Amino acid sequence: MEDIEKKWDELVFRLEKEMDDELTLKTILFLIGVQELGQGIKDFDKEEKTWLFHIAICKVLAPLGYYQFESIDEDGWPHYKELKNIEELGAKSQKNLMQKAIIKYFE
């Protein structure tokens, strides 16, 4: 567990240096969602922001067997199928899993 925390801190430090801003898990997921959508930086409405978080979560958890990519819709938004429910894990386990998955995403 310590190794993940160390890698997480190193990743956050590197990203904060690149972005010149303080980042949280939520901010990093938002950035991943924007990256995966591939439509560049723009103003997203509240619903689109929610979808960006969903895209990011699906993308980073897919290699761990939680989601499977299905398709991209006519507007360019990716869709995933849930394979395992992350909600079955406790809050701390969910956070650790997300950190591990994000680290893997950036490697």
N, C-alpha and C. Protein backbone atom coordinates (compact mmCIF):
# COMPACT_ATOMS: atom_id res chain seq x y z
N MET A 1 0.82 -1.19 0.00
CA MET A 1 0.00 0.00 0.00
C MET A 1 0.87 1.26 0.00
N GLU A 2 2.00 1.21 0.74
CA GLU A 2 2.88 2.37 0.79
C GLU A 2 3.42 2.72 -0.58
N ASP A 3 3.71 1.70 -1.39
CA ASP A 3 4.24 1.91 -2.73
C ASP A 3 3.25 2.69 -3.59
N ILE A 4 1.97 2.36 -3.47
CA ILE A 4 0.94 3.07 -4.24
C ILE A 4 0.87 4.53 -3.78
N GLU A 5 0.90 4.75 -2.48
CA GLU A 5 0.84 6.12 -1.96
C GLU A 5 2.04 6.93 -2.44
N LYS A 6 3.22 6.33 -2.46
CA LYS A 6 4.42 7.02 -2.92
C LYS A 6 4.29 7.34 -4.42
N LYS A 7 3.87 6.35 -5.20
CA LYS A 7 3.70 6.57 -6.64
C LYS A 7 2.63 7.62 -6.91
N TRP A 8 1.55 7.60 -6.11
CA TRP A 8 0.47 8.57 -6.26
C TRP A 8 1.00 9.99 -6.00
N ASP A 9 1.72 10.15 -4.89
CA ASP A 9 2.27 11.46 -4.56
C ASP A 9 3.22 11.96 -5.65
N GLU A 10 4.03 11.06 -6.20
CA GLU A 10 4.95 11.43 -7.28
C GLU A 10 4.18 11.86 -8.53
N LEU A 11 3.11 11.12 -8.86
CA LEU A 11 2.30 11.45 -10.04
C LEU A 11 1.62 12.81 -9.85
N VAL A 12 1.00 13.02 -8.71
CA VAL A 12 0.31 14.29 -8.44
C VAL A 12 1.32 15.44 -8.50
N PHE A 13 2.50 15.26 -7.91
CA PHE A 13 3.53 16.29 -7.94
C PHE A 13 3.92 16.63 -9.38
N ARG A 14 4.13 15.59 -10.20
CA ARG A 14 4.51 15.80 -11.61
C ARG A 14 3.41 16.53 -12.37
N LEU A 15 2.15 16.11 -12.18
CA LEU A 15 1.03 16.75 -12.87
C LEU A 15 0.83 18.19 -12.41
N GLU A 16 0.97 18.42 -11.10
CA GLU A 16 0.82 19.78 -10.59
C GLU A 16 1.90 20.70 -11.17
N LYS A 17 3.09 20.15 -11.33
CA LYS A 17 4.18 20.93 -11.91
C LYS A 17 3.86 21.29 -13.36
N GLU A 18 3.33 20.32 -14.12
CA GLU A 18 2.95 20.55 -15.51
C GLU A 18 1.79 21.53 -15.62
N MET A 19 0.81 21.42 -14.74
CA MET A 19 -0.40 22.22 -14.81
C MET A 19 -0.26 23.55 -14.07
N ASP A 20 0.78 23.66 -13.25
CA ASP A 20 1.01 24.84 -12.43
C ASP A 20 -0.21 25.13 -11.56
N ASP A 21 -0.76 24.06 -10.98
CA ASP A 21 -1.94 24.19 -10.13
C ASP A 21 -2.02 22.99 -9.20
N GLU A 22 -2.75 23.14 -8.10
CA GLU A 22 -2.96 22.03 -7.17
C GLU A 22 -4.03 21.11 -7.72
N LEU A 23 -3.78 19.80 -7.67
CA LEU A 23 -4.73 18.84 -8.23
C LEU A 23 -5.23 17.87 -7.18
N THR A 24 -6.48 17.46 -7.34
CA THR A 24 -7.09 16.45 -6.49
C THR A 24 -7.40 15.23 -7.35
N LEU A 25 -7.83 14.17 -6.73
CA LEU A 25 -8.25 12.97 -7.47
C LEU A 25 -9.34 13.34 -8.47
N LYS A 26 -10.28 14.14 -8.03
CA LYS A 26 -11.40 14.54 -8.88
C LYS A 26 -10.91 15.36 -10.08
N THR A 27 -9.98 16.27 -9.85
CA THR A 27 -9.43 17.10 -10.93
C THR A 27 -8.70 16.23 -11.95
N ILE A 28 -7.94 15.27 -11.45
CA ILE A 28 -7.19 14.38 -12.34
C ILE A 28 -8.16 13.54 -13.17
N LEU A 29 -9.24 13.07 -12.56
CA LEU A 29 -10.25 12.31 -13.32
C LEU A 29 -10.89 13.19 -14.39
N PHE A 30 -11.15 14.43 -14.06
CA PHE A 30 -11.72 15.35 -15.05
C PHE A 30 -10.77 15.51 -16.24
N LEU A 31 -9.48 15.70 -15.96
CA LEU A 31 -8.49 15.84 -17.03
C LEU A 31 -8.41 14.59 -17.90
N ILE A 32 -8.49 13.42 -17.28
CA ILE A 32 -8.48 12.16 -18.04
C ILE A 32 -9.72 12.09 -18.92
N GLY A 33 -10.88 12.48 -18.37
CA GLY A 33 -12.12 12.47 -19.15
C GLY A 33 -12.03 13.36 -20.37
N VAL A 34 -11.49 14.57 -20.19
CA VAL A 34 -11.32 15.50 -21.32
C VAL A 34 -10.37 14.89 -22.35
N GLN A 35 -9.27 14.30 -21.87
CA GLN A 35 -8.30 13.67 -22.77
C GLN A 35 -8.96 12.54 -23.57
N GLU A 36 -9.71 11.69 -22.90
CA GLU A 36 -10.32 10.54 -23.57
C GLU A 36 -11.45 10.93 -24.52
N LEU A 37 -12.13 12.01 -24.21
CA LEU A 37 -13.18 12.50 -25.11
C LEU A 37 -12.55 12.99 -26.40
N GLY A 38 -11.39 13.63 -26.27
CA GLY A 38 -10.63 14.06 -27.44
C GLY A 38 -11.21 15.23 -28.21
N GLN A 39 -12.02 16.05 -27.55
CA GLN A 39 -12.60 17.22 -28.22
C GLN A 39 -11.95 18.52 -27.77
N GLY A 40 -10.84 18.41 -27.04
CA GLY A 40 -10.13 19.59 -26.58
C GLY A 40 -10.76 20.27 -25.38
N ILE A 41 -10.13 21.34 -24.97
CA ILE A 41 -10.60 22.12 -23.82
C ILE A 41 -11.71 23.06 -24.29
N LYS A 42 -12.82 23.01 -23.60
CA LYS A 42 -13.93 23.90 -23.90
C LYS A 42 -14.78 24.02 -22.65
N ASP A 43 -15.82 24.83 -22.69
CA ASP A 43 -16.74 24.92 -21.57
C ASP A 43 -17.71 23.76 -21.64
N PHE A 44 -17.73 22.96 -20.57
CA PHE A 44 -18.66 21.83 -20.49
C PHE A 44 -19.76 22.19 -19.51
N ASP A 45 -20.99 21.80 -19.84
CA ASP A 45 -22.08 22.05 -18.90
C ASP A 45 -22.01 20.99 -17.79
N LYS A 46 -22.87 21.13 -16.80
CA LYS A 46 -22.84 20.25 -15.62
C LYS A 46 -23.01 18.78 -15.99
N GLU A 47 -23.93 18.49 -16.90
CA GLU A 47 -24.16 17.11 -17.32
C GLU A 47 -22.94 16.54 -18.05
N GLU A 48 -22.34 17.35 -18.91
CA GLU A 48 -21.14 16.91 -19.64
C GLU A 48 -19.99 16.64 -18.68
N LYS A 49 -19.85 17.47 -17.65
CA LYS A 49 -18.80 17.25 -16.66
C LYS A 49 -19.00 15.92 -15.93
N THR A 50 -20.25 15.61 -15.62
CA THR A 50 -20.56 14.33 -14.99
C THR A 50 -20.16 13.18 -15.90
N TRP A 51 -20.45 13.31 -17.18
CA TRP A 51 -20.08 12.27 -18.16
C TRP A 51 -18.57 12.17 -18.30
N LEU A 52 -17.85 13.29 -18.21
CA LEU A 52 -16.39 13.26 -18.29
C LEU A 52 -15.80 12.46 -17.14
N PHE A 53 -16.35 12.63 -15.94
CA PHE A 53 -15.90 11.83 -14.80
C PHE A 53 -16.17 10.35 -15.05
N HIS A 54 -17.35 10.06 -15.57
CA HIS A 54 -17.73 8.67 -15.86
C HIS A 54 -16.78 8.05 -16.89
N ILE A 55 -16.48 8.79 -17.95
CA ILE A 55 -15.56 8.31 -18.99
C ILE A 55 -14.20 7.98 -18.37
N ALA A 56 -13.71 8.88 -17.54
CA ALA A 56 -12.40 8.69 -16.91
C ALA A 56 -12.39 7.46 -16.02
N ILE A 57 -13.40 7.34 -15.20
CA ILE A 57 -13.49 6.18 -14.30
C ILE A 57 -13.53 4.89 -15.09
N CYS A 58 -14.35 4.85 -16.12
CA CYS A 58 -14.45 3.65 -16.96
C CYS A 58 -13.12 3.34 -17.62
N LYS A 59 -12.48 4.36 -18.17
CA LYS A 59 -11.22 4.18 -18.89
C LYS A 59 -10.13 3.63 -17.99
N VAL A 60 -9.97 4.21 -16.81
CA VAL A 60 -8.88 3.76 -15.92
C VAL A 60 -9.18 2.41 -15.27
N LEU A 61 -10.47 2.09 -15.09
CA LEU A 61 -10.82 0.81 -14.44
C LEU A 61 -11.02 -0.34 -15.44
N ALA A 62 -11.09 -0.02 -16.72
CA ALA A 62 -11.27 -1.07 -17.74
C ALA A 62 -10.15 -2.11 -17.70
N PRO A 63 -8.87 -1.70 -17.61
CA PRO A 63 -7.80 -2.71 -17.57
C PRO A 63 -7.86 -3.62 -16.34
N LEU A 64 -8.57 -3.17 -15.31
CA LEU A 64 -8.71 -3.96 -14.09
C LEU A 64 -9.98 -4.81 -14.09
N GLY A 65 -10.70 -4.81 -15.21
CA GLY A 65 -11.86 -5.67 -15.35
C GLY A 65 -13.17 -5.12 -14.84
N TYR A 66 -13.23 -3.82 -14.54
CA TYR A 66 -14.46 -3.24 -14.02
C TYR A 66 -15.39 -2.74 -15.13
N TYR A 67 -14.81 -2.34 -16.25
CA TYR A 67 -15.60 -1.84 -17.38
C TYR A 67 -15.02 -2.38 -18.68
N GLN A 68 -15.87 -2.38 -19.70
CA GLN A 68 -15.45 -2.79 -21.04
C GLN A 68 -15.94 -1.74 -22.03
N PHE A 69 -15.05 -1.28 -22.89
CA PHE A 69 -15.42 -0.30 -23.91
C PHE A 69 -16.45 -0.92 -24.84
N GLU A 70 -17.50 -0.17 -25.17
CA GLU A 70 -18.54 -0.65 -26.09
C GLU A 70 -18.50 0.07 -27.43
N SER A 71 -18.60 1.40 -27.40
CA SER A 71 -18.68 2.14 -28.66
C SER A 71 -18.51 3.63 -28.42
N ILE A 72 -18.41 4.35 -29.53
CA ILE A 72 -18.41 5.81 -29.49
C ILE A 72 -19.68 6.25 -30.21
N ASP A 73 -20.47 7.13 -29.56
CA ASP A 73 -21.73 7.55 -30.16
C ASP A 73 -21.50 8.59 -31.26
N GLU A 74 -22.58 9.02 -31.88
CA GLU A 74 -22.50 9.95 -33.02
C GLU A 74 -21.91 11.32 -32.64
N ASP A 75 -21.92 11.65 -31.34
CA ASP A 75 -21.35 12.91 -30.88
C ASP A 75 -19.90 12.76 -30.43
N GLY A 76 -19.35 11.55 -30.56
CA GLY A 76 -17.96 11.30 -30.21
C GLY A 76 -17.72 10.91 -28.76
N TRP A 77 -18.78 10.63 -28.01
CA TRP A 77 -18.64 10.25 -26.60
C TRP A 77 -18.51 8.74 -26.47
N PRO A 78 -17.47 8.25 -25.77
CA PRO A 78 -17.31 6.80 -25.57
C PRO A 78 -18.31 6.26 -24.55
N HIS A 79 -18.69 5.00 -24.76
CA HIS A 79 -19.61 4.32 -23.84
C HIS A 79 -18.98 3.00 -23.40
N TYR A 80 -19.19 2.69 -22.12
CA TYR A 80 -18.63 1.50 -21.51
C TYR A 80 -19.73 0.66 -20.87
N LYS A 81 -19.45 -0.62 -20.75
CA LYS A 81 -20.35 -1.55 -20.08
C LYS A 81 -19.71 -1.92 -18.74
N GLU A 82 -20.50 -1.83 -17.67
CA GLU A 82 -20.00 -2.20 -16.35
C GLU A 82 -19.91 -3.72 -16.24
N LEU A 83 -18.77 -4.22 -15.79
CA LEU A 83 -18.57 -5.66 -15.61
C LEU A 83 -18.57 -6.04 -14.13
N LYS A 84 -17.99 -5.17 -13.30
CA LYS A 84 -17.95 -5.39 -11.85
C LYS A 84 -18.33 -4.08 -11.19
N ASN A 85 -19.05 -4.17 -10.07
CA ASN A 85 -19.52 -2.99 -9.36
C ASN A 85 -18.47 -2.52 -8.35
N ILE A 86 -17.92 -1.35 -8.60
CA ILE A 86 -16.91 -0.78 -7.69
C ILE A 86 -17.54 -0.39 -6.36
N GLU A 87 -18.85 -0.16 -6.37
CA GLU A 87 -19.56 0.25 -5.15
C GLU A 87 -19.49 -0.83 -4.06
N GLU A 88 -19.19 -2.07 -4.46
CA GLU A 88 -19.10 -3.16 -3.48
C GLU A 88 -17.88 -3.01 -2.57
N LEU A 89 -16.92 -2.23 -3.01
CA LEU A 89 -15.73 -1.96 -2.20
C LEU A 89 -16.03 -0.83 -1.23
N GLY A 90 -15.35 -0.80 -0.14
CA GLY A 90 -15.50 0.30 0.80
C GLY A 90 -14.88 1.56 0.23
N ALA A 91 -15.15 2.69 0.86
CA ALA A 91 -14.66 3.98 0.36
C ALA A 91 -13.14 4.03 0.25
N LYS A 92 -12.43 3.53 1.25
CA LYS A 92 -10.97 3.54 1.23
C LYS A 92 -10.45 2.64 0.12
N SER A 93 -11.04 1.48 -0.04
CA SER A 93 -10.62 0.55 -1.09
C SER A 93 -10.89 1.14 -2.47
N GLN A 94 -12.01 1.85 -2.61
CA GLN A 94 -12.32 2.50 -3.89
C GLN A 94 -11.27 3.55 -4.22
N LYS A 95 -10.91 4.36 -3.23
CA LYS A 95 -9.92 5.41 -3.44
C LYS A 95 -8.57 4.80 -3.83
N ASN A 96 -8.16 3.75 -3.12
CA ASN A 96 -6.89 3.09 -3.41
C ASN A 96 -6.90 2.47 -4.81
N LEU A 97 -8.03 1.87 -5.19
CA LEU A 97 -8.16 1.27 -6.51
C LEU A 97 -8.07 2.35 -7.59
N MET A 98 -8.74 3.48 -7.37
CA MET A 98 -8.70 4.57 -8.34
C MET A 98 -7.29 5.12 -8.47
N GLN A 99 -6.61 5.29 -7.36
CA GLN A 99 -5.23 5.80 -7.42
C GLN A 99 -4.35 4.83 -8.19
N LYS A 100 -4.47 3.56 -7.90
CA LYS A 100 -3.68 2.53 -8.60
C LYS A 100 -3.98 2.55 -10.10
N ALA A 101 -5.25 2.65 -10.45
CA ALA A 101 -5.66 2.65 -11.86
C ALA A 101 -5.18 3.90 -12.58
N ILE A 102 -5.21 5.05 -11.91
CA ILE A 102 -4.74 6.30 -12.51
C ILE A 102 -3.22 6.26 -12.72
N ILE A 103 -2.51 5.73 -11.74
CA ILE A 103 -1.06 5.58 -11.88
C ILE A 103 -0.75 4.73 -13.11
N LYS A 104 -1.47 3.61 -13.24
CA LYS A 104 -1.28 2.71 -14.39
C LYS A 104 -1.62 3.44 -15.70
N TYR A 105 -2.66 4.26 -15.70
CA TYR A 105 -3.06 5.02 -16.88
C TYR A 105 -1.93 5.93 -17.35
N PHE A 106 -1.25 6.59 -16.42
CA PHE A 106 -0.20 7.53 -16.78
C PHE A 106 1.15 6.87 -17.05
N GLU A 107 1.27 5.59 -16.70
CA GLU A 107 2.52 4.88 -17.00
C GLU A 107 2.49 4.53 -18.45
